[in-house]
Amino acid sequence: MEVEALRQLVEQRPFRPIRIALHSGESFVVRHPENIGITPGMVLVDEPEAPLFFEPGMVVSVELVRRDRAGRRK
């Protein structure tokens, strides 16, 4: 995924949670814009269990989710 496209989703106001799916099959929800950091070569997601680091190219899809459906990782 393009870094700028991901950044635009995170920066929109009001913020809506996003579900990110990776090539590995793992997916997770970012519930707050302060829980994600994006650089040209790396994405950091601050998860309660442990932070996640991955390259933007590992993202298969990103979708907006309703706050009441913003579940945990799959």
Protein backbone atom coordinates (compact mmCIF):
# COMPACT_ATOMS: atom_id res chain seq x y z
CA MET A 1 0.00 0.00 0.00
CA GLU A 2 1.12 3.53 -0.67
CA VAL A 3 2.34 5.28 2.48
CA GLU A 4 0.47 8.46 1.59
CA ALA A 5 -2.85 6.62 1.17
CA LEU A 6 -2.48 5.04 4.61
CA ARG A 7 -1.48 8.37 6.12
CA GLN A 8 -4.57 10.07 4.62
CA LEU A 9 -6.86 7.50 6.26
CA VAL A 10 -5.19 8.06 9.62
CA GLU A 11 -5.27 11.85 9.35
CA GLN A 12 -8.91 12.25 8.34
CA ARG A 13 -11.11 13.97 10.92
CA PRO A 14 -13.10 12.81 12.60
CA PHE A 15 -10.91 9.72 12.80
CA ARG A 16 -12.61 6.39 12.12
CA PRO A 17 -11.03 3.11 13.21
CA ILE A 18 -9.36 1.19 10.40
CA ARG A 19 -8.77 -2.54 9.97
CA ILE A 20 -5.41 -3.35 8.39
CA ALA A 21 -4.83 -6.77 6.81
CA LEU A 22 -1.30 -7.98 6.08
CA HIS A 23 0.08 -10.54 3.60
CA SER A 24 0.65 -12.89 6.56
CA GLY A 25 -3.12 -13.14 7.05
CA GLU A 26 -3.01 -11.19 10.30
CA SER A 27 -5.39 -8.28 10.69
CA PHE A 28 -5.94 -5.75 13.43
CA VAL A 29 -7.86 -2.57 14.15
CA VAL A 30 -6.30 0.82 14.82
CA ARG A 31 -8.74 2.54 17.16
CA HIS A 32 -7.03 5.90 17.61
CA PRO A 33 -4.69 7.91 15.35
CA GLU A 34 -2.11 8.18 18.13
CA ASN A 35 -1.75 4.37 18.04
CA ILE A 36 -0.09 4.34 14.62
CA GLY A 37 3.14 5.83 13.31
CA ILE A 38 3.94 5.90 9.60
CA THR A 39 7.29 6.52 7.90
CA PRO A 40 8.21 5.85 4.27
CA GLY A 41 9.71 2.46 5.17
CA MET A 42 7.94 1.34 8.35
CA VAL A 43 4.58 1.33 10.09
CA LEU A 44 4.33 1.00 13.88
CA VAL A 45 1.05 0.09 15.55
CA ASP A 46 0.93 0.35 19.32
CA GLU A 47 -1.03 -2.73 20.43
CA PRO A 48 -1.74 -3.57 24.09
CA GLU A 49 0.12 -6.91 23.90
CA ALA A 50 3.16 -5.68 21.97
CA PRO A 51 3.90 -3.10 19.28
CA LEU A 52 3.66 -4.25 15.67
CA PHE A 53 6.19 -3.21 13.05
CA PHE A 54 5.76 -3.87 9.34
CA GLU A 55 6.63 -2.42 5.95
CA PRO A 56 3.86 -0.56 4.10
CA GLY A 57 4.21 -3.04 1.22
CA MET A 58 2.99 -5.82 3.51
CA VAL A 59 -0.49 -4.24 3.71
CA VAL A 60 -3.05 -6.11 1.61
CA SER A 61 -6.09 -4.03 2.52
CA VAL A 62 -7.34 -1.27 4.77
CA GLU A 63 -10.99 -0.74 5.56
CA LEU A 64 -12.92 1.73 7.67
CA VAL A 65 -14.83 0.07 10.50
CA ARG A 66 -17.61 1.29 12.71
CA ARG A 67 -16.55 1.98 16.28
CA ASP A 68 -18.95 -0.66 17.62
CA ARG A 69 -17.38 -3.25 15.28
CA ALA A 70 -13.75 -2.40 16.00
CA GLY A 71 -12.83 -5.81 17.34
CA ARG A 72 -9.47 -7.25 18.25
CA ARG A 73 -7.01 -9.04 16.00
CA LYS A 74 -8.09 -12.06 13.99
